[in-house]
């Protein structure tokens, strides 16, 4: 849509509203002004877009993926992971959420949409997944050709003191050599061993 396209109110997919349709809370922002406020906050610590995001251009247009499709964000993904952990869901269920979020990010083409997706998520209640989300954010930025990554991904609490072997590699030591080989450096640096092939959509 052209830069002069009319903007309208949208319901943003933020942390209280996950892919599973949790009821909106008072933190759900549904007006253009609220989205601008959110993006001004994001601009303070997100520096991973090729062109710096200016607050005055932060409105999401009517054809934004968030308005049209209700795409996931990292905050909403963290919310859903926290929900999975509370109900002791199998790691395969959580992986499906991560795959879906990664696919959503790949569909974004605007800097403002990417910055909106990359907002700092709240804790998942598990330090391992908190480190995982930081690594995922860096991996997605690099995959999209962005020159920088969000500042929050380098916070000390986004690094694990020892390695966590994710998924099948944790359950079977025979898979660990291959998982290590297929783990991107941004995951290993944070103590997460994650075979990146797991992100392939099925």
C-alpha atoms as a PDB file:
ATOM      1  CA  UNK A   1       0.000   0.000   0.000  1.00  0.00           C
ATOM      2  CA  UNK A   2       1.276   3.430  -0.835  1.00  0.00           C
ATOM      3  CA  UNK A   3       2.707   5.593   1.947  1.00  0.00           C
ATOM      4  CA  UNK A   4      -0.353   7.838   1.811  1.00  0.00           C
ATOM      5  CA  UNK A   5      -2.723   4.945   2.423  1.00  0.00           C
ATOM      6  CA  UNK A   6      -5.377   5.513   5.069  1.00  0.00           C
ATOM      7  CA  UNK A   7      -4.596   4.020   8.467  1.00  0.00           C
ATOM      8  CA  UNK A   8      -7.274   2.521  10.639  1.00  0.00           C
ATOM      9  CA  UNK A   9      -7.704   0.942  14.037  1.00  0.00           C
ATOM     10  CA  UNK A  10      -6.418  -2.608  14.331  1.00  0.00           C
ATOM     11  CA  UNK A  11      -6.288  -5.168  17.080  1.00  0.00           C
ATOM     12  CA  UNK A  12      -2.623  -5.962  17.610  1.00  0.00           C
ATOM     13  CA  UNK A  13      -1.457  -9.463  18.480  1.00  0.00           C
ATOM     14  CA  UNK A  14       0.382  -8.726  21.718  1.00  0.00           C
ATOM     15  CA  UNK A  15       1.408 -10.893  24.634  1.00  0.00           C
ATOM     16  CA  UNK A  16      -2.041 -11.289  26.225  1.00  0.00           C
ATOM     17  CA  UNK A  17      -3.502 -12.581  22.981  1.00  0.00           C
ATOM     18  CA  UNK A  18      -1.841 -15.707  21.689  1.00  0.00           C
ATOM     19  CA  UNK A  19      -2.439 -17.809  18.631  1.00  0.00           C
ATOM     20  CA  UNK A  20      -4.814 -19.975  20.628  1.00  0.00           C
ATOM     21  CA  UNK A  21      -7.387 -17.216  21.024  1.00  0.00           C
ATOM     22  CA  UNK A  22      -6.970 -16.199  24.652  1.00  0.00           C
ATOM     23  CA  UNK A  23      -9.429 -13.507  25.662  1.00  0.00           C
ATOM     24  CA  UNK A  24      -8.096  -9.949  25.260  1.00  0.00           C
ATOM     25  CA  UNK A  25      -7.007  -8.167  28.415  1.00  0.00           C
ATOM     26  CA  UNK A  26      -6.765  -4.493  29.248  1.00  0.00           C
ATOM     27  CA  UNK A  27      -3.267  -4.497  27.751  1.00  0.00           C
ATOM     28  CA  UNK A  28      -4.517  -5.203  24.226  1.00  0.00           C
ATOM     29  CA  UNK A  29      -4.047  -2.075  22.170  1.00  0.00           C
ATOM     30  CA  UNK A  30      -6.701  -1.536  19.536  1.00  0.00           C
ATOM     31  CA  UNK A  31      -6.276   2.001  18.268  1.00  0.00           C
ATOM     32  CA  UNK A  32      -3.831   3.697  16.012  1.00  0.00           C
ATOM     33  CA  UNK A  33      -2.614   5.893  18.866  1.00  0.00           C
ATOM     34  CA  UNK A  34      -1.965   2.881  21.049  1.00  0.00           C
ATOM     35  CA  UNK A  35       0.029   1.183  18.305  1.00  0.00           C
ATOM     36  CA  UNK A  36       2.059   4.356  17.833  1.00  0.00           C
ATOM     37  CA  UNK A  37       2.808   4.391  21.541  1.00  0.00           C
ATOM     38  CA  UNK A  38       3.910   0.785  21.398  1.00  0.00           C
ATOM     39  CA  UNK A  39       6.173   1.425  18.445  1.00  0.00           C
ATOM     40  CA  UNK A  40       7.724   4.487  20.127  1.00  0.00           C
ATOM     41  CA  UNK A  41       8.600   2.163  22.992  1.00  0.00           C
ATOM     42  CA  UNK A  42       9.979  -0.413  20.563  1.00  0.00           C
ATOM     43  CA  UNK A  43      12.082   2.222  18.814  1.00  0.00           C
ATOM     44  CA  UNK A  44      13.912   2.798  22.090  1.00  0.00           C
ATOM     45  CA  UNK A  45      15.534  -0.611  22.075  1.00  0.00           C
ATOM     46  CA  UNK A  46      14.950  -2.298  18.716  1.00  0.00           C
ATOM     47  CA  UNK A  47      17.811  -1.479  16.400  1.00  0.00           C
ATOM     48  CA  UNK A  48      17.726  -4.409  14.030  1.00  0.00           C
ATOM     49  CA  UNK A  49      16.009  -2.869  11.011  1.00  0.00           C
ATOM     50  CA  UNK A  50      18.036  -1.826   8.001  1.00  0.00           C
ATOM     51  CA  UNK A  51      16.482   1.664   8.133  1.00  0.00           C
ATOM     52  CA  UNK A  52      15.959   3.121  11.635  1.00  0.00           C
ATOM     53  CA  UNK A  53      12.314   3.070  12.611  1.00  0.00           C
ATOM     54  CA  UNK A  54      10.928   6.540  13.209  1.00  0.00           C
ATOM     55  CA  UNK A  55       8.013   6.851  15.668  1.00  0.00           C
ATOM     56  CA  UNK A  56       6.043   9.090  13.334  1.00  0.00           C
ATOM     57  CA  UNK A  57       5.906   6.292  10.751  1.00  0.00           C
ATOM     58  CA  UNK A  58       5.067   3.571  13.226  1.00  0.00           C
ATOM     59  CA  UNK A  59       1.361   3.226  12.431  1.00  0.00           C
ATOM     60  CA  UNK A  60       0.480  -0.135  11.004  1.00  0.00           C
ATOM     61  CA  UNK A  61      -1.525   0.178   7.764  1.00  0.00           C
ATOM     62  CA  UNK A  62      -4.847  -1.489   7.082  1.00  0.00           C
ATOM     63  CA  UNK A  63      -3.175  -4.232   5.056  1.00  0.00           C
ATOM     64  CA  UNK A  64      -0.645  -5.048   7.765  1.00  0.00           C
ATOM     65  CA  UNK A  65      -0.225  -8.765   8.410  1.00  0.00           C
ATOM     66  CA  UNK A  66      -1.210  -8.111  12.014  1.00  0.00           C
ATOM     67  CA  UNK A  67      -4.474  -6.475  10.979  1.00  0.00           C
ATOM     68  CA  UNK A  68      -5.363  -8.915   8.214  1.00  0.00           C
ATOM     69  CA  UNK A  69      -4.089 -12.263   9.460  1.00  0.00           C
ATOM     70  CA  UNK A  70      -3.519 -11.790  13.191  1.00  0.00           C
ATOM     71  CA  UNK A  71       0.132 -12.816  12.997  1.00  0.00           C
ATOM     72  CA  UNK A  72       2.040 -13.970  16.022  1.00  0.00           C
ATOM     73  CA  UNK A  73       4.572 -11.739  17.797  1.00  0.00           C
ATOM     74  CA  UNK A  74       7.374 -12.803  20.102  1.00  0.00           C
ATOM     75  CA  UNK A  75       5.393 -11.529  23.121  1.00  0.00           C
ATOM     76  CA  UNK A  76       2.357 -13.610  22.132  1.00  0.00           C
ATOM     77  CA  UNK A  77       4.599 -16.616  21.474  1.00  0.00           C
ATOM     78  CA  UNK A  78       6.088 -16.255  24.973  1.00  0.00           C
ATOM     79  CA  UNK A  79       2.548 -16.178  26.355  1.00  0.00           C
ATOM     80  CA  UNK A  80       1.637 -19.401  24.577  1.00  0.00           C
ATOM     81  CA  UNK A  81       4.859 -21.109  25.663  1.00  0.00           C
ATOM     82  CA  UNK A  82       4.106 -20.111  29.246  1.00  0.00           C
ATOM     83  CA  UNK A  83       0.662 -21.660  28.815  1.00  0.00           C
ATOM     84  CA  UNK A  84       2.226 -24.876  27.452  1.00  0.00           C
ATOM     85  CA  UNK A  85       4.577 -25.045  30.424  1.00  0.00           C
ATOM     86  CA  UNK A  86       1.731 -24.602  32.883  1.00  0.00           C
ATOM     87  CA  UNK A  87      -0.137 -27.528  31.403  1.00  0.00           C
ATOM     88  CA  UNK A  88       3.022 -29.624  30.946  1.00  0.00           C
ATOM     89  CA  UNK A  89       2.477 -29.909  27.186  1.00  0.00           C
ATOM     90  CA  UNK A  90       4.829 -32.112  25.128  1.00  0.00           C
ATOM     91  CA  UNK A  91       7.765 -30.210  23.651  1.00  0.00           C
ATOM     92  CA  UNK A  92       6.466 -31.123  20.191  1.00  0.00           C
ATOM     93  CA  UNK A  93       3.365 -28.979  20.823  1.00  0.00           C
ATOM     94  CA  UNK A  94       5.507 -26.007  21.779  1.00  0.00           C
ATOM     95  CA  UNK A  95       7.717 -26.542  18.750  1.00  0.00           C
ATOM     96  CA  UNK A  96       4.668 -26.234  16.496  1.00  0.00           C
ATOM     97  CA  UNK A  97       3.997 -22.789  17.975  1.00  0.00           C
ATOM     98  CA  UNK A  98       7.608 -21.778  17.377  1.00  0.00           C
ATOM     99  CA  UNK A  99       7.453 -22.979  13.770  1.00  0.00           C
ATOM    100  CA  UNK A 100       4.240 -21.037  13.169  1.00  0.00           C
ATOM    101  CA  UNK A 101       5.739 -17.860  14.636  1.00  0.00           C
ATOM    102  CA  UNK A 102       8.857 -18.240  12.498  1.00  0.00           C
ATOM    103  CA  UNK A 103       6.704 -18.645   9.403  1.00  0.00           C
ATOM    104  CA  UNK A 104       4.735 -15.536  10.371  1.00  0.00           C
ATOM    105  CA  UNK A 105       7.922 -13.505  10.649  1.00  0.00           C
ATOM    106  CA  UNK A 106       9.088 -14.738   7.254  1.00  0.00           C
ATOM    107  CA  UNK A 107       5.884 -13.358   5.735  1.00  0.00           C
ATOM    108  CA  UNK A 108       6.536  -9.822   7.006  1.00  0.00           C
ATOM    109  CA  UNK A 109       7.981  -7.340   4.527  1.00  0.00           C
ATOM    110  CA  UNK A 110       7.800  -3.990   6.311  1.00  0.00           C
ATOM    111  CA  UNK A 111      10.330  -2.738   8.860  1.00  0.00           C
ATOM    112  CA  UNK A 112       7.497  -1.573  11.114  1.00  0.00           C
ATOM    113  CA  UNK A 113       5.903  -5.024  11.087  1.00  0.00           C
ATOM    114  CA  UNK A 114       9.192  -6.726  11.853  1.00  0.00           C
ATOM    115  CA  UNK A 115       9.868  -4.357  14.750  1.00  0.00           C
ATOM    116  CA  UNK A 116       6.370  -4.995  16.045  1.00  0.00           C
ATOM    117  CA  UNK A 117       6.999  -8.751  15.938  1.00  0.00           C
ATOM    118  CA  UNK A 118      10.387  -8.380  17.634  1.00  0.00           C
ATOM    119  CA  UNK A 119       9.208  -6.571  20.759  1.00  0.00           C
ATOM    120  CA  UNK A 120      10.796  -7.889  23.931  1.00  0.00           C
ATOM    121  CA  UNK A 121       8.712 -10.777  25.269  1.00  0.00           C
ATOM    122  CA  UNK A 122       7.989 -11.242  28.942  1.00  0.00           C
ATOM    123  CA  UNK A 123       9.409 -14.304  30.648  1.00  0.00           C
ATOM    124  CA  UNK A 124       8.043 -17.693  29.704  1.00  0.00           C
ATOM    125  CA  UNK A 125       8.638 -18.747  33.352  1.00  0.00           C
ATOM    126  CA  UNK A 126      11.474 -20.982  32.110  1.00  0.00           C
ATOM    127  CA  UNK A 127      14.974 -19.529  31.648  1.00  0.00           C
ATOM    128  CA  UNK A 128      15.647 -22.060  28.901  1.00  0.00           C
ATOM    129  CA  UNK A 129      12.823 -20.798  26.714  1.00  0.00           C
ATOM    130  CA  UNK A 130      13.713 -17.185  27.542  1.00  0.00           C
ATOM    131  CA  UNK A 131      17.170 -17.858  26.093  1.00  0.00           C
ATOM    132  CA  UNK A 132      15.591 -19.740  23.185  1.00  0.00           C
ATOM    133  CA  UNK A 133      13.395 -16.772  22.201  1.00  0.00           C
ATOM    134  CA  UNK A 134      16.394 -14.445  22.202  1.00  0.00           C
ATOM    135  CA  UNK A 135      18.298 -16.839  19.961  1.00  0.00           C
ATOM    136  CA  UNK A 136      15.255 -17.227  17.713  1.00  0.00           C
ATOM    137  CA  UNK A 137      14.941 -13.453  17.334  1.00  0.00           C
ATOM    138  CA  UNK A 138      18.579 -13.174  16.281  1.00  0.00           C
ATOM    139  CA  UNK A 139      18.232 -16.113  13.875  1.00  0.00           C
ATOM    140  CA  UNK A 140      15.132 -14.622  12.241  1.00  0.00           C
ATOM    141  CA  UNK A 141      16.797 -11.225  11.876  1.00  0.00           C
ATOM    142  CA  UNK A 142      19.820 -12.764  10.203  1.00  0.00           C
ATOM    143  CA  UNK A 143      17.628 -14.836   7.936  1.00  0.00           C
ATOM    144  CA  UNK A 144      15.782 -11.696   6.853  1.00  0.00           C
ATOM    145  CA  UNK A 145      19.058  -9.928   6.071  1.00  0.00           C
ATOM    146  CA  UNK A 146      18.653  -7.338   8.822  1.00  0.00           C
ATOM    147  CA  UNK A 147      21.859  -5.606   9.809  1.00  0.00           C
ATOM    148  CA  UNK A 148      21.257  -5.532  13.559  1.00  0.00           C
ATOM    149  CA  UNK A 149      19.377  -7.427  16.245  1.00  0.00           C
ATOM    150  CA  UNK A 150      17.223  -6.271  19.180  1.00  0.00           C
ATOM    151  CA  UNK A 151      19.148  -5.073  22.217  1.00  0.00           C
ATOM    152  CA  UNK A 152      17.112  -7.242  24.596  1.00  0.00           C
ATOM    153  CA  UNK A 153      18.499 -10.411  22.978  1.00  0.00           C
ATOM    154  CA  UNK A 154      21.848  -9.608  24.614  1.00  0.00           C
ATOM    155  CA  UNK A 155      20.526  -9.271  28.159  1.00  0.00           C
ATOM    156  CA  UNK A 156      22.369 -11.445  30.670  1.00  0.00           C
ATOM    157  CA  UNK A 157      19.238 -13.407  31.574  1.00  0.00           C
ATOM    158  CA  UNK A 158      18.938 -14.542  27.946  1.00  0.00           C
ATOM    159  CA  UNK A 159      22.020 -16.776  28.340  1.00  0.00           C
ATOM    160  CA  UNK A 160      22.048 -20.159  30.072  1.00  0.00           C
ATOM    161  CA  UNK A 161      24.859 -21.250  32.410  1.00  0.00           C
ATOM    162  CA  UNK A 162      24.986 -24.697  30.787  1.00  0.00           C
ATOM    163  CA  UNK A 163      23.784 -26.258  27.559  1.00  0.00           C
ATOM    164  CA  UNK A 164      20.153 -27.245  27.073  1.00  0.00           C
ATOM    165  CA  UNK A 165      19.597 -29.927  24.454  1.00  0.00           C
ATOM    166  CA  UNK A 166      16.229 -29.149  22.945  1.00  0.00           C
ATOM    167  CA  UNK A 167      13.635 -31.795  22.127  1.00  0.00           C
ATOM    168  CA  UNK A 168      14.706 -35.164  20.801  1.00  0.00           C
ATOM    169  CA  UNK A 169      18.380 -34.354  21.388  1.00  0.00           C
ATOM    170  CA  UNK A 170      17.639 -34.059  25.113  1.00  0.00           C
ATOM    171  CA  UNK A 171      15.871 -37.402  25.115  1.00  0.00           C
ATOM    172  CA  UNK A 172      18.422 -39.353  23.069  1.00  0.00           C
ATOM    173  CA  UNK A 173      22.163 -38.829  23.286  1.00  0.00           C
ATOM    174  CA  UNK A 174      22.637 -40.511  19.918  1.00  0.00           C
ATOM    175  CA  UNK A 175      21.178 -37.436  18.218  1.00  0.00           C
ATOM    176  CA  UNK A 176      23.358 -34.901  19.959  1.00  0.00           C
ATOM    177  CA  UNK A 177      26.293 -34.811  17.561  1.00  0.00           C
ATOM    178  CA  UNK A 178      24.044 -33.992  14.609  1.00  0.00           C
ATOM    179  CA  UNK A 179      21.961 -31.531  16.654  1.00  0.00           C
ATOM    180  CA  UNK A 180      25.139 -29.691  17.671  1.00  0.00           C
ATOM    181  CA  UNK A 181      26.286 -29.524  14.066  1.00  0.00           C
ATOM    182  CA  UNK A 182      22.925 -28.114  12.956  1.00  0.00           C
ATOM    183  CA  UNK A 183      22.638 -25.537  15.752  1.00  0.00           C
ATOM    184  CA  UNK A 184      23.223 -21.917  14.641  1.00  0.00           C
ATOM    185  CA  UNK A 185      25.836 -19.966  16.576  1.00  0.00           C
ATOM    186  CA  UNK A 186      23.241 -17.577  18.008  1.00  0.00           C
ATOM    187  CA  UNK A 187      21.603 -20.534  19.787  1.00  0.00           C
ATOM    188  CA  UNK A 188      24.842 -22.135  20.979  1.00  0.00           C
ATOM    189  CA  UNK A 189      26.061 -18.784  22.318  1.00  0.00           C
ATOM    190  CA  UNK A 190      23.012 -18.703  24.592  1.00  0.00           C
ATOM    191  CA  UNK A 191      23.378 -22.284  25.738  1.00  0.00           C
ATOM    192  CA  UNK A 192      20.649 -23.754  23.544  1.00  0.00           C
ATOM    193  CA  UNK A 193      21.387 -26.735  21.306  1.00  0.00           C
ATOM    194  CA  UNK A 194      18.645 -26.722  18.694  1.00  0.00           C
ATOM    195  CA  UNK A 195      18.703 -28.484  15.348  1.00  0.00           C
ATOM    196  CA  UNK A 196      17.557 -25.662  13.072  1.00  0.00           C
ATOM    197  CA  UNK A 197      15.999 -28.203  10.727  1.00  0.00           C
ATOM    198  CA  UNK A 198      13.220 -28.392  13.334  1.00  0.00           C
ATOM    199  CA  UNK A 199      11.943 -25.043  12.075  1.00  0.00           C
ATOM    200  CA  UNK A 200      11.039 -26.474   8.692  1.00  0.00           C
ATOM    201  CA  UNK A 201       7.291 -26.239   8.177  1.00  0.00           C
ATOM    202  CA  UNK A 202       5.461 -29.539   7.808  1.00  0.00           C
END
